[in-house]
Amino acid sequence: MTANATEQNQATNLNLYGRPERIATVERNTAETQITCTVNLDGTGKGVVDTGVPFLDHMIDQIKRHGLFDLDIKCTGDTFIDDHHSVEDTGITLGQAFNKALGDKKGIRRYGHFYAPLDESLTRAVVDLSGRPGLHMDIPFTRSHVGRFDVDLFSEFFYGFVNHSWMTVHLDNLKGKNSHHQIESTFKAFARALRMACEYDERALNTLPSTKEAF
């Protein structure tokens, strides 16, 4: 190995697979929200989430814990109007951070799926890190609010995330009567499916998982 190559390796932080660390920070500042988000795709589920919307914090904690992603999110938004802007813009910023952290996607599994039960609720999540944004949801909510959280904002978060992470995501609540359980089982299933899709395939570490050879 040449001296220049040695210096280059020392200057680049590598993960356990010899690839660059998948860590990204994104800031989003508008007249409605100011958000900073840092994600480590190869983490252990640590970090602090403070969106100003407690129920959303609880749900993103599911992504963090069950996806084993390190997440730090701070959002200051106009929640005195309502929670819409903070929820949607958090989804946008988190999606941008994931897209940035994934890098060239070489060696990843690309696809992930998971079924998550929560009491009477059962949700299926399927993820494709396809480079083509698409969200398909079938969640028959039984009420309009969980506490003060408007369940309509649930889809706003995921549309923001998917459209800016360039993923295809299918979310289907197969059974459920309690809206809290429906939402939480969806986030847990999504976290596990996303974790699977982001993980490396040890048999294909130097391969882009696409016959197009591009995303």
N, C-alpha and C. Protein backbone atom coordinates (compact mmCIF):
# COMPACT_ATOMS: atom_id res chain seq x y z
N MET A 1 0.85 -1.19 0.00
CA MET A 1 0.00 0.00 0.00
C MET A 1 0.88 1.24 0.00
N THR A 2 0.56 2.19 -0.85
CA THR A 2 1.36 3.40 -0.93
C THR A 2 1.08 4.29 0.26
N ALA A 3 1.97 5.27 0.48
CA ALA A 3 1.80 6.21 1.59
C ALA A 3 0.52 7.01 1.40
N ASN A 4 0.23 7.39 0.13
CA ASN A 4 -0.98 8.17 -0.12
C ASN A 4 -2.24 7.37 0.19
N ALA A 5 -2.23 6.06 -0.17
CA ALA A 5 -3.39 5.22 0.12
C ALA A 5 -3.58 5.03 1.61
N THR A 6 -2.46 4.89 2.34
CA THR A 6 -2.54 4.75 3.79
C THR A 6 -3.14 6.00 4.41
N GLU A 7 -2.69 7.17 3.97
CA GLU A 7 -3.22 8.42 4.49
C GLU A 7 -4.70 8.56 4.17
N GLN A 8 -5.11 8.11 2.96
CA GLN A 8 -6.51 8.20 2.59
C GLN A 8 -7.37 7.31 3.47
N ASN A 9 -6.92 6.08 3.76
CA ASN A 9 -7.67 5.18 4.64
C ASN A 9 -7.78 5.75 6.05
N GLN A 10 -6.72 6.36 6.53
CA GLN A 10 -6.74 6.93 7.87
C GLN A 10 -7.69 8.12 7.94
N ALA A 11 -7.82 8.84 6.81
CA ALA A 11 -8.67 10.03 6.80
C ALA A 11 -10.14 9.67 6.66
N THR A 12 -10.43 8.43 6.21
CA THR A 12 -11.81 8.00 6.01
C THR A 12 -12.21 7.06 7.12
N ASN A 13 -13.31 7.38 7.80
CA ASN A 13 -13.81 6.49 8.83
C ASN A 13 -14.58 5.36 8.16
N LEU A 14 -14.16 4.11 8.42
CA LEU A 14 -14.78 2.96 7.80
C LEU A 14 -15.61 2.18 8.81
N ASN A 15 -16.69 1.56 8.32
CA ASN A 15 -17.49 0.72 9.20
C ASN A 15 -16.93 -0.71 9.22
N LEU A 16 -17.65 -1.63 9.83
CA LEU A 16 -17.16 -3.00 10.00
C LEU A 16 -16.98 -3.73 8.67
N TYR A 17 -17.63 -3.23 7.62
CA TYR A 17 -17.54 -3.87 6.31
C TYR A 17 -16.51 -3.20 5.40
N GLY A 18 -15.72 -2.30 5.96
CA GLY A 18 -14.71 -1.62 5.18
C GLY A 18 -15.26 -0.55 4.26
N ARG A 19 -16.50 -0.16 4.48
CA ARG A 19 -17.13 0.90 3.69
C ARG A 19 -17.16 2.17 4.53
N PRO A 20 -17.28 3.35 3.88
CA PRO A 20 -17.37 4.59 4.64
C PRO A 20 -18.55 4.58 5.61
N GLU A 21 -18.35 5.17 6.79
CA GLU A 21 -19.43 5.25 7.77
C GLU A 21 -20.66 5.94 7.16
N ARG A 22 -21.82 5.38 7.46
CA ARG A 22 -23.06 5.92 6.88
C ARG A 22 -23.73 6.85 7.88
N ILE A 23 -23.16 8.03 7.98
CA ILE A 23 -23.63 9.06 8.90
C ILE A 23 -23.90 10.33 8.10
N ALA A 24 -25.03 10.97 8.37
CA ALA A 24 -25.36 12.19 7.64
C ALA A 24 -26.11 13.16 8.55
N THR A 25 -25.88 14.43 8.33
CA THR A 25 -26.60 15.50 9.03
C THR A 25 -27.25 16.41 8.00
N VAL A 26 -28.51 16.73 8.24
CA VAL A 26 -29.27 17.63 7.35
C VAL A 26 -29.93 18.70 8.20
N GLU A 27 -29.88 19.92 7.72
CA GLU A 27 -30.61 21.02 8.35
C GLU A 27 -31.65 21.54 7.37
N ARG A 28 -32.82 21.84 7.90
CA ARG A 28 -33.91 22.40 7.08
C ARG A 28 -34.50 23.58 7.84
N ASN A 29 -34.43 24.75 7.24
CA ASN A 29 -34.94 25.96 7.87
C ASN A 29 -35.92 26.66 6.95
N THR A 30 -37.16 26.80 7.43
CA THR A 30 -38.19 27.51 6.68
C THR A 30 -38.85 28.52 7.61
N ALA A 31 -39.83 29.23 7.09
CA ALA A 31 -40.58 30.17 7.93
C ALA A 31 -41.46 29.44 8.93
N GLU A 32 -41.63 28.12 8.75
CA GLU A 32 -42.52 27.34 9.61
C GLU A 32 -41.79 26.44 10.59
N THR A 33 -40.61 25.93 10.18
CA THR A 33 -39.87 25.00 11.03
C THR A 33 -38.38 25.21 10.88
N GLN A 34 -37.66 24.88 11.94
CA GLN A 34 -36.19 24.83 11.92
C GLN A 34 -35.81 23.46 12.47
N ILE A 35 -35.15 22.65 11.62
CA ILE A 35 -34.90 21.25 11.96
C ILE A 35 -33.45 20.89 11.70
N THR A 36 -32.87 20.15 12.64
CA THR A 36 -31.56 19.53 12.46
C THR A 36 -31.72 18.04 12.72
N CYS A 37 -31.20 17.23 11.81
CA CYS A 37 -31.33 15.78 11.93
C CYS A 37 -30.00 15.12 11.60
N THR A 38 -29.54 14.23 12.48
CA THR A 38 -28.35 13.43 12.23
C THR A 38 -28.73 11.96 12.35
N VAL A 39 -28.31 11.15 11.37
CA VAL A 39 -28.61 9.73 11.38
C VAL A 39 -27.33 8.93 11.15
N ASN A 40 -27.22 7.83 11.89
CA ASN A 40 -26.15 6.85 11.69
C ASN A 40 -26.83 5.51 11.40
N LEU A 41 -26.71 5.05 10.17
CA LEU A 41 -27.40 3.82 9.78
C LEU A 41 -26.82 2.58 10.43
N ASP A 42 -25.59 2.67 10.93
CA ASP A 42 -24.92 1.52 11.55
C ASP A 42 -24.80 1.71 13.05
N GLY A 43 -25.84 2.26 13.65
CA GLY A 43 -25.82 2.59 15.07
C GLY A 43 -26.35 1.48 15.95
N THR A 44 -26.77 1.87 17.15
CA THR A 44 -27.29 0.93 18.14
C THR A 44 -28.63 1.37 18.71
N GLY A 45 -29.26 2.35 18.07
CA GLY A 45 -30.56 2.80 18.53
C GLY A 45 -30.51 3.91 19.56
N LYS A 46 -29.44 4.70 19.52
CA LYS A 46 -29.29 5.78 20.48
C LYS A 46 -29.67 7.12 19.85
N GLY A 47 -29.79 8.13 20.70
CA GLY A 47 -30.05 9.47 20.21
C GLY A 47 -31.20 10.13 20.94
N VAL A 48 -31.39 11.42 20.65
CA VAL A 48 -32.44 12.22 21.27
C VAL A 48 -33.35 12.77 20.19
N VAL A 49 -34.65 12.54 20.35
CA VAL A 49 -35.65 13.01 19.40
C VAL A 49 -36.54 14.02 20.09
N ASP A 50 -36.60 15.25 19.56
CA ASP A 50 -37.42 16.31 20.12
C ASP A 50 -38.02 17.11 18.97
N THR A 51 -39.21 16.70 18.55
CA THR A 51 -39.88 17.37 17.42
C THR A 51 -40.87 18.43 17.86
N GLY A 52 -41.13 18.50 19.17
CA GLY A 52 -42.18 19.39 19.65
C GLY A 52 -43.56 18.77 19.58
N VAL A 53 -43.64 17.53 19.07
CA VAL A 53 -44.90 16.78 18.98
C VAL A 53 -44.68 15.46 19.71
N PRO A 54 -45.12 15.34 20.96
CA PRO A 54 -44.76 14.18 21.78
C PRO A 54 -45.11 12.83 21.17
N PHE A 55 -46.27 12.71 20.54
CA PHE A 55 -46.64 11.41 19.95
C PHE A 55 -45.71 11.06 18.79
N LEU A 56 -45.31 12.05 18.00
CA LEU A 56 -44.36 11.80 16.92
C LEU A 56 -43.01 11.38 17.49
N ASP A 57 -42.58 12.01 18.57
CA ASP A 57 -41.33 11.59 19.22
C ASP A 57 -41.39 10.11 19.59
N HIS A 58 -42.52 9.70 20.15
CA HIS A 58 -42.71 8.31 20.57
C HIS A 58 -42.62 7.37 19.38
N MET A 59 -43.16 7.77 18.23
CA MET A 59 -43.14 6.93 17.05
C MET A 59 -41.74 6.88 16.42
N ILE A 60 -41.05 8.01 16.36
CA ILE A 60 -39.70 8.01 15.81
C ILE A 60 -38.77 7.21 16.71
N ASP A 61 -39.04 7.20 18.00
CA ASP A 61 -38.28 6.34 18.91
C ASP A 61 -38.39 4.87 18.50
N GLN A 62 -39.55 4.49 17.93
CA GLN A 62 -39.70 3.11 17.45
C GLN A 62 -38.75 2.85 16.27
N ILE A 63 -38.63 3.83 15.36
CA ILE A 63 -37.70 3.69 14.24
C ILE A 63 -36.28 3.56 14.76
N LYS A 64 -35.95 4.39 15.73
CA LYS A 64 -34.60 4.40 16.30
C LYS A 64 -34.29 3.08 16.98
N ARG A 65 -35.16 2.63 17.86
CA ARG A 65 -34.89 1.44 18.65
C ARG A 65 -34.96 0.16 17.83
N HIS A 66 -36.01 0.00 17.04
CA HIS A 66 -36.19 -1.25 16.31
C HIS A 66 -35.39 -1.29 15.02
N GLY A 67 -35.01 -0.13 14.50
CA GLY A 67 -34.16 -0.10 13.32
C GLY A 67 -32.69 -0.11 13.65
N LEU A 68 -32.35 0.09 14.93
CA LEU A 68 -30.96 0.22 15.38
C LEU A 68 -30.24 1.35 14.64
N PHE A 69 -30.98 2.44 14.40
CA PHE A 69 -30.39 3.64 13.83
C PHE A 69 -30.15 4.64 14.96
N ASP A 70 -28.98 5.27 14.96
CA ASP A 70 -28.76 6.39 15.88
C ASP A 70 -29.40 7.62 15.25
N LEU A 71 -30.29 8.27 16.00
CA LEU A 71 -31.01 9.43 15.49
C LEU A 71 -30.98 10.56 16.50
N ASP A 72 -30.59 11.72 16.04
CA ASP A 72 -30.73 12.95 16.81
C ASP A 72 -31.55 13.92 15.97
N ILE A 73 -32.70 14.32 16.47
CA ILE A 73 -33.59 15.21 15.74
C ILE A 73 -34.05 16.33 16.67
N LYS A 74 -33.92 17.55 16.22
CA LYS A 74 -34.43 18.71 16.95
C LYS A 74 -35.25 19.55 15.99
N CYS A 75 -36.52 19.73 16.32
CA CYS A 75 -37.41 20.54 15.49
C CYS A 75 -38.04 21.63 16.34
N THR A 76 -37.94 22.85 15.87
CA THR A 76 -38.68 23.97 16.45
C THR A 76 -39.66 24.45 15.38
N GLY A 77 -40.94 24.30 15.67
CA GLY A 77 -41.94 24.61 14.65
C GLY A 77 -43.12 25.39 15.20
N ASP A 78 -44.02 25.78 14.30
CA ASP A 78 -45.18 26.61 14.65
C ASP A 78 -46.34 25.74 15.14
N THR A 79 -46.08 24.98 16.19
CA THR A 79 -47.12 24.11 16.74
C THR A 79 -48.25 24.90 17.41
N PHE A 80 -48.03 26.19 17.59
CA PHE A 80 -49.12 27.03 18.11
C PHE A 80 -50.23 27.16 17.07
N ILE A 81 -49.91 26.88 15.80
CA ILE A 81 -50.94 26.83 14.76
C ILE A 81 -51.55 25.44 14.76
N ASP A 82 -50.76 24.44 14.43
CA ASP A 82 -51.08 23.03 14.65
C ASP A 82 -49.79 22.25 14.41
N ASP A 83 -49.87 20.93 14.45
CA ASP A 83 -48.67 20.10 14.38
C ASP A 83 -48.26 19.76 12.94
N HIS A 84 -49.05 20.19 11.98
CA HIS A 84 -48.87 19.74 10.60
C HIS A 84 -47.47 20.01 10.07
N HIS A 85 -47.02 21.26 10.15
CA HIS A 85 -45.74 21.62 9.56
C HIS A 85 -44.58 20.87 10.21
N SER A 86 -44.63 20.73 11.53
CA SER A 86 -43.54 20.04 12.23
C SER A 86 -43.50 18.56 11.87
N VAL A 87 -44.65 17.92 11.76
CA VAL A 87 -44.70 16.50 11.43
C VAL A 87 -44.22 16.27 10.00
N GLU A 88 -44.76 17.03 9.06
CA GLU A 88 -44.38 16.84 7.66
C GLU A 88 -42.91 17.16 7.42
N ASP A 89 -42.45 18.28 7.97
CA ASP A 89 -41.06 18.70 7.73
C ASP A 89 -40.06 17.79 8.43
N THR A 90 -40.46 17.21 9.56
CA THR A 90 -39.59 16.21 10.18
C THR A 90 -39.44 14.99 9.29
N GLY A 91 -40.54 14.55 8.68
CA GLY A 91 -40.47 13.45 7.73
C GLY A 91 -39.57 13.78 6.55
N ILE A 92 -39.69 14.98 6.02
CA ILE A 92 -38.86 15.42 4.90
C ILE A 92 -37.38 15.39 5.28
N THR A 93 -37.05 15.98 6.42
CA THR A 93 -35.65 16.10 6.83
C THR A 93 -35.05 14.74 7.16
N LEU A 94 -35.82 13.90 7.82
CA LEU A 94 -35.34 12.54 8.13
C LEU A 94 -35.11 11.75 6.84
N GLY A 95 -36.02 11.90 5.88
CA GLY A 95 -35.85 11.23 4.60
C GLY A 95 -34.60 11.70 3.87
N GLN A 96 -34.34 13.00 3.89
CA GLN A 96 -33.13 13.53 3.26
C GLN A 96 -31.87 12.98 3.93
N ALA A 97 -31.92 12.85 5.24
CA ALA A 97 -30.76 12.35 5.98
C ALA A 97 -30.50 10.88 5.64
N PHE A 98 -31.56 10.08 5.55
CA PHE A 98 -31.39 8.68 5.18
C PHE A 98 -30.82 8.56 3.77
N ASN A 99 -31.35 9.33 2.84
CA ASN A 99 -30.87 9.28 1.47
C ASN A 99 -29.40 9.65 1.38
N LYS A 100 -29.00 10.67 2.11
CA LYS A 100 -27.61 11.10 2.12
C LYS A 100 -26.71 10.05 2.76
N ALA A 101 -27.17 9.45 3.87
CA ALA A 101 -26.35 8.46 4.59
C ALA A 101 -26.18 7.18 3.79
N LEU A 102 -27.16 6.81 2.98
CA LEU A 102 -27.08 5.57 2.21
C LEU A 102 -26.00 5.63 1.14
N GLY A 103 -25.64 6.82 0.70
CA GLY A 103 -24.55 6.96 -0.26
C GLY A 103 -24.84 6.25 -1.56
N ASP A 104 -23.86 5.47 -2.06
CA ASP A 104 -24.03 4.81 -3.36
C ASP A 104 -24.85 3.53 -3.28
N LYS A 105 -25.21 3.10 -2.08
CA LYS A 105 -26.05 1.91 -1.83
C LYS A 105 -25.37 0.60 -2.22
N LYS A 106 -24.10 0.63 -2.52
CA LYS A 106 -23.41 -0.60 -2.90
C LYS A 106 -23.34 -1.56 -1.71
N GLY A 107 -23.72 -2.81 -1.95
CA GLY A 107 -23.61 -3.84 -0.93
C GLY A 107 -24.81 -3.99 -0.02
N ILE A 108 -25.82 -3.12 -0.14
CA ILE A 108 -26.98 -3.22 0.75
C ILE A 108 -27.94 -4.29 0.26
N ARG A 109 -28.82 -4.72 1.16
CA ARG A 109 -29.82 -5.72 0.77
C ARG A 109 -30.89 -5.11 -0.14
N ARG A 110 -31.16 -3.86 0.04
CA ARG A 110 -32.13 -3.08 -0.75
C ARG A 110 -33.57 -3.32 -0.33
N TYR A 111 -33.97 -4.58 -0.18
CA TYR A 111 -35.35 -4.91 0.17
C TYR A 111 -35.47 -5.30 1.64
N GLY A 112 -36.60 -4.95 2.23
CA GLY A 112 -36.88 -5.37 3.59
C GLY A 112 -38.37 -5.52 3.81
N HIS A 113 -38.76 -6.42 4.72
CA HIS A 113 -40.17 -6.61 5.02
C HIS A 113 -40.30 -7.09 6.46
N PHE A 114 -41.44 -6.80 7.07
CA PHE A 114 -41.64 -7.23 8.44
C PHE A 114 -43.13 -7.14 8.79
N TYR A 115 -43.57 -8.09 9.62
CA TYR A 115 -44.91 -8.06 10.21
C TYR A 115 -44.73 -7.74 11.69
N ALA A 116 -45.44 -6.74 12.19
CA ALA A 116 -45.35 -6.38 13.60
C ALA A 116 -46.73 -6.40 14.24
N PRO A 117 -46.93 -7.24 15.25
CA PRO A 117 -48.18 -7.21 16.00
C PRO A 117 -48.06 -6.26 17.20
N LEU A 118 -49.16 -5.66 17.57
CA LEU A 118 -49.26 -4.94 18.84
C LEU A 118 -50.67 -5.18 19.36
N ASP A 119 -50.79 -6.12 20.29
CA ASP A 119 -52.09 -6.55 20.79
C ASP A 119 -52.97 -6.98 19.61
N GLU A 120 -54.11 -6.30 19.40
CA GLU A 120 -55.03 -6.74 18.35
C GLU A 120 -54.61 -6.26 16.95
N SER A 121 -53.62 -5.39 16.90
CA SER A 121 -53.20 -4.80 15.62
C SER A 121 -52.05 -5.58 15.00
N LEU A 122 -52.12 -5.77 13.68
CA LEU A 122 -51.05 -6.43 12.94
C LEU A 122 -50.79 -5.64 11.67
N THR A 123 -49.53 -5.23 11.49
CA THR A 123 -49.16 -4.40 10.34
C THR A 123 -48.01 -5.01 9.58
N ARG A 124 -48.09 -4.92 8.26
CA ARG A 124 -47.02 -5.37 7.37
C ARG A 124 -46.37 -4.16 6.71
N ALA A 125 -45.03 -4.13 6.72
CA ALA A 125 -44.27 -3.08 6.03
C ALA A 125 -43.31 -3.73 5.05
N VAL A 126 -43.26 -3.18 3.85
CA VAL A 126 -42.34 -3.65 2.81
C VAL A 126 -41.61 -2.43 2.26
N VAL A 127 -40.28 -2.53 2.19
CA VAL A 127 -39.44 -1.40 1.79
C VAL A 127 -38.55 -1.81 0.63
N ASP A 128 -38.42 -0.92 -0.33
CA ASP A 128 -37.48 -1.08 -1.44
C ASP A 128 -36.70 0.23 -1.58
N LEU A 129 -35.39 0.17 -1.36
CA LEU A 129 -34.54 1.36 -1.51
C LEU A 129 -34.24 1.52 -3.00
N SER A 130 -35.27 1.84 -3.74
CA SER A 130 -35.31 1.71 -5.19
C SER A 130 -34.78 2.93 -5.93
N GLY A 131 -34.71 4.08 -5.26
CA GLY A 131 -34.43 5.32 -5.96
C GLY A 131 -35.68 5.90 -6.61
N ARG A 132 -36.83 5.26 -6.37
CA ARG A 132 -38.11 5.74 -6.91
C ARG A 132 -39.07 5.94 -5.74
N PRO A 133 -39.42 7.18 -5.43
CA PRO A 133 -40.30 7.41 -4.28
C PRO A 133 -41.73 6.96 -4.55
N GLY A 134 -42.27 6.20 -3.61
CA GLY A 134 -43.65 5.78 -3.72
C GLY A 134 -44.15 5.26 -2.39
N LEU A 135 -45.29 5.77 -1.95
CA LEU A 135 -45.89 5.33 -0.68
C LEU A 135 -47.27 4.78 -0.96
N HIS A 136 -47.52 3.58 -0.48
CA HIS A 136 -48.82 2.94 -0.63
C HIS A 136 -49.26 2.48 0.76
N MET A 137 -50.34 3.08 1.25
CA MET A 137 -50.80 2.83 2.61
C MET A 137 -52.24 2.35 2.62
N ASP A 138 -52.52 1.40 3.48
CA ASP A 138 -53.89 0.98 3.74
C ASP A 138 -54.03 0.82 5.24
N ILE A 139 -54.43 1.90 5.90
CA ILE A 139 -54.56 1.91 7.37
C ILE A 139 -55.98 2.40 7.69
N PRO A 140 -56.91 1.50 7.98
CA PRO A 140 -58.30 1.89 8.26
C PRO A 140 -58.46 2.35 9.71
N PHE A 141 -58.14 3.62 9.94
CA PHE A 141 -58.20 4.14 11.31
C PHE A 141 -59.61 4.11 11.86
N THR A 142 -59.70 3.87 13.16
CA THR A 142 -61.01 3.77 13.81
C THR A 142 -61.40 5.07 14.51
N ARG A 143 -60.47 6.03 14.61
CA ARG A 143 -60.83 7.34 15.15
C ARG A 143 -59.88 8.39 14.57
N SER A 144 -60.22 9.65 14.76
CA SER A 144 -59.50 10.74 14.09
C SER A 144 -58.28 11.23 14.85
N HIS A 145 -58.22 10.99 16.16
CA HIS A 145 -57.11 11.50 16.97
C HIS A 145 -56.62 10.43 17.95
N VAL A 146 -55.33 10.47 18.21
CA VAL A 146 -54.75 9.74 19.33
C VAL A 146 -54.24 10.80 20.29
N GLY A 147 -54.95 10.97 21.40
CA GLY A 147 -54.66 12.13 22.24
C GLY A 147 -54.96 13.38 21.45
N ARG A 148 -53.96 14.26 21.32
CA ARG A 148 -54.15 15.47 20.50
C ARG A 148 -53.53 15.32 19.12
N PHE A 149 -53.03 14.12 18.80
CA PHE A 149 -52.38 13.90 17.52
C PHE A 149 -53.42 13.53 16.46
N ASP A 150 -53.50 14.33 15.40
CA ASP A 150 -54.41 14.09 14.29
C ASP A 150 -53.86 12.95 13.43
N VAL A 151 -54.61 11.86 13.28
CA VAL A 151 -54.08 10.71 12.55
C VAL A 151 -53.83 11.02 11.07
N ASP A 152 -54.44 12.09 10.53
CA ASP A 152 -54.14 12.49 9.15
C ASP A 152 -52.66 12.84 8.98
N LEU A 153 -52.02 13.28 10.06
CA LEU A 153 -50.61 13.67 9.98
C LEU A 153 -49.69 12.46 9.86
N PHE A 154 -50.19 11.30 10.20
CA PHE A 154 -49.44 10.06 10.06
C PHE A 154 -48.97 9.89 8.61
N SER A 155 -49.88 10.07 7.66
CA SER A 155 -49.51 9.93 6.25
C SER A 155 -48.62 11.08 5.80
N GLU A 156 -48.81 12.28 6.36
CA GLU A 156 -47.96 13.41 5.98
C GLU A 156 -46.50 13.14 6.34
N PHE A 157 -46.26 12.53 7.49
CA PHE A 157 -44.90 12.18 7.88
C PHE A 157 -44.29 11.21 6.86
N PHE A 158 -45.04 10.15 6.52
CA PHE A 158 -44.49 9.13 5.64
C PHE A 158 -44.35 9.63 4.21
N TYR A 159 -45.26 10.46 3.73
CA TYR A 159 -45.09 11.03 2.40
C TYR A 159 -43.83 11.90 2.36
N GLY A 160 -43.63 12.71 3.39
CA GLY A 160 -42.42 13.53 3.46
C GLY A 160 -41.17 12.68 3.46
N PHE A 161 -41.18 11.62 4.26
CA PHE A 161 -40.01 10.73 4.37
C PHE A 161 -39.74 10.03 3.04
N VAL A 162 -40.75 9.40 2.47
CA VAL A 162 -40.57 8.59 1.27
C VAL A 162 -40.15 9.45 0.08
N ASN A 163 -40.78 10.60 -0.10
CA ASN A 163 -40.49 11.44 -1.26
C ASN A 163 -39.08 12.02 -1.23
N HIS A 164 -38.47 12.09 -0.04
CA HIS A 164 -37.14 12.68 0.06
C HIS A 164 -36.05 11.66 0.37
N SER A 165 -36.45 10.42 0.65
CA SER A 165 -35.47 9.35 0.80
C SER A 165 -35.38 8.50 -0.47
N TRP A 166 -36.31 8.70 -1.39
CA TRP A 166 -36.34 7.99 -2.67
C TRP A 166 -36.50 6.48 -2.45
N MET A 167 -37.48 6.15 -1.59
CA MET A 167 -37.80 4.75 -1.31
C MET A 167 -39.20 4.44 -1.80
N THR A 168 -39.45 3.15 -2.05
CA THR A 168 -40.80 2.65 -2.23
C THR A 168 -41.20 1.94 -0.94
N VAL A 169 -42.36 2.32 -0.38
CA VAL A 169 -42.79 1.77 0.91
C VAL A 169 -44.26 1.38 0.83
N HIS A 170 -44.57 0.17 1.26
CA HIS A 170 -45.95 -0.30 1.38
C HIS A 170 -46.23 -0.56 2.86
N LEU A 171 -47.31 0.04 3.36
CA LEU A 171 -47.71 -0.10 4.76
C LEU A 171 -49.17 -0.54 4.80
N ASP A 172 -49.41 -1.72 5.36
CA ASP A 172 -50.77 -2.26 5.40
C ASP A 172 -51.09 -2.74 6.82
N ASN A 173 -52.09 -2.12 7.42
CA ASN A 173 -52.59 -2.61 8.71
C ASN A 173 -53.61 -3.70 8.42
N LEU A 174 -53.23 -4.93 8.69
CA LEU A 174 -54.06 -6.08 8.33
C LEU A 174 -55.19 -6.31 9.33
N LYS A 175 -54.94 -5.94 10.59
CA LYS A 175 -55.95 -6.04 11.64
C LYS A 175 -55.72 -4.89 12.60
N GLY A 176 -56.79 -4.42 13.23
CA GLY A 176 -56.61 -3.40 14.25
C GLY A 176 -57.88 -2.63 14.53
N LYS A 177 -58.08 -2.31 15.82
CA LYS A 177 -59.24 -1.52 16.24
C LYS A 177 -58.83 -0.29 17.03
N ASN A 178 -57.65 -0.32 17.63
CA ASN A 178 -57.15 0.78 18.44
C ASN A 178 -56.18 1.60 17.58
N SER A 179 -56.50 2.86 17.34
CA SER A 179 -55.69 3.67 16.42
C SER A 179 -54.26 3.85 16.91
N HIS A 180 -54.07 3.95 18.23
CA HIS A 180 -52.70 4.02 18.76
C HIS A 180 -51.93 2.76 18.38
N HIS A 181 -52.55 1.60 18.55
CA HIS A 181 -51.90 0.35 18.21
C HIS A 181 -51.65 0.24 16.70
N GLN A 182 -52.59 0.72 15.91
CA GLN A 182 -52.43 0.68 14.46
C GLN A 182 -51.19 1.49 14.03
N ILE A 183 -51.05 2.69 14.58
CA ILE A 183 -49.92 3.54 14.21
C ILE A 183 -48.61 2.97 14.74
N GLU A 184 -48.61 2.56 16.00
CA GLU A 184 -47.36 2.09 16.58
C GLU A 184 -46.88 0.79 15.94
N SER A 185 -47.80 -0.11 15.63
CA SER A 185 -47.38 -1.35 14.96
C SER A 185 -46.85 -1.04 13.57
N THR A 186 -47.36 0.00 12.94
CA THR A 186 -46.87 0.40 11.62
C THR A 186 -45.44 0.92 11.72
N PHE A 187 -45.17 1.77 12.69
CA PHE A 187 -43.82 2.29 12.85
C PHE A 187 -42.82 1.19 13.21
N LYS A 188 -43.25 0.24 14.04
CA LYS A 188 -42.36 -0.86 14.40
C LYS A 188 -42.06 -1.75 13.20
N ALA A 189 -43.09 -2.07 12.43
CA ALA A 189 -42.89 -2.89 11.23
C ALA A 189 -42.00 -2.15 10.24
N PHE A 190 -42.25 -0.86 10.07
CA PHE A 190 -41.44 -0.06 9.14
C PHE A 190 -39.99 -0.02 9.58
N ALA A 191 -39.75 0.16 10.87
CA ALA A 191 -38.38 0.23 11.39
C ALA A 191 -37.62 -1.05 11.08
N ARG A 192 -38.27 -2.19 11.32
CA ARG A 192 -37.60 -3.47 11.10
C ARG A 192 -37.37 -3.73 9.60
N ALA A 193 -38.35 -3.37 8.77
CA ALA A 193 -38.18 -3.54 7.34
C ALA A 193 -37.08 -2.63 6.80
N LEU A 194 -37.04 -1.40 7.29
CA LEU A 194 -36.02 -0.45 6.85
C LEU A 194 -34.63 -0.90 7.30
N ARG A 195 -34.55 -1.42 8.51
CA ARG A 195 -33.27 -1.96 9.00
C ARG A 195 -32.77 -3.07 8.09
N MET A 196 -33.67 -3.99 7.72
CA MET A 196 -33.28 -5.09 6.83
C MET A 196 -32.79 -4.57 5.48
N ALA A 197 -33.50 -3.60 4.92
CA ALA A 197 -33.15 -3.06 3.61
C ALA A 197 -31.80 -2.33 3.63
N CYS A 198 -31.50 -1.65 4.75
CA CYS A 198 -30.27 -0.87 4.85
C CYS A 198 -29.05 -1.73 5.18
N GLU A 199 -29.28 -2.92 5.72
CA GLU A 199 -28.16 -3.76 6.13
C GLU A 199 -27.37 -4.25 4.93
N TYR A 200 -26.09 -4.56 5.18
CA TYR A 200 -25.23 -5.06 4.12
C TYR A 200 -25.48 -6.55 3.90
N ASP A 201 -25.37 -6.95 2.64
CA ASP A 201 -25.39 -8.35 2.24
C ASP A 201 -23.94 -8.80 2.09
N GLU A 202 -23.48 -9.63 3.00
CA GLU A 202 -22.07 -10.01 3.02
C GLU A 202 -21.64 -10.76 1.76
N ARG A 203 -22.59 -11.31 1.03
CA ARG A 203 -22.26 -12.03 -0.21
C ARG A 203 -22.16 -11.08 -1.41
N ALA A 204 -22.51 -9.82 -1.20
CA ALA A 204 -22.56 -8.90 -2.35
C ALA A 204 -22.09 -7.50 -1.96
N LEU A 205 -21.02 -7.44 -1.17
CA LEU A 205 -20.58 -6.16 -0.63
C LEU A 205 -20.11 -5.20 -1.71
N ASN A 206 -19.65 -5.70 -2.82
CA ASN A 206 -19.13 -4.84 -3.88
C ASN A 206 -20.08 -4.74 -5.06
N THR A 207 -21.33 -5.11 -4.81
CA THR A 207 -22.32 -5.15 -5.89
C THR A 207 -23.42 -4.15 -5.63
N LEU A 208 -23.84 -3.45 -6.67
CA LEU A 208 -25.01 -2.59 -6.59
C LEU A 208 -26.24 -3.45 -6.82
N PRO A 209 -27.21 -3.47 -5.89
CA PRO A 209 -28.34 -4.39 -6.01
C PRO A 209 -29.38 -3.93 -7.03
N SER A 210 -28.95 -3.84 -8.28
CA SER A 210 -29.84 -3.45 -9.35
C SER A 210 -29.24 -3.92 -10.67
N THR A 211 -30.05 -4.53 -11.53
CA THR A 211 -29.57 -4.94 -12.84
C THR A 211 -29.29 -3.74 -13.73
N LYS A 212 -29.84 -2.59 -13.36
CA LYS A 212 -29.55 -1.36 -14.10
C LYS A 212 -28.15 -0.85 -13.81
N GLU A 213 -27.58 -1.35 -12.67
CA GLU A 213 -26.29 -0.85 -12.18
C GLU A 213 -26.36 0.63 -11.83
N ALA A 214 -27.54 1.07 -11.44
CA ALA A 214 -27.74 2.47 -11.06
C ALA A 214 -29.06 2.59 -10.31
N PHE A 215 -29.15 3.62 -9.48
CA PHE A 215 -30.41 3.95 -8.79
C PHE A 215 -30.85 5.35 -9.18
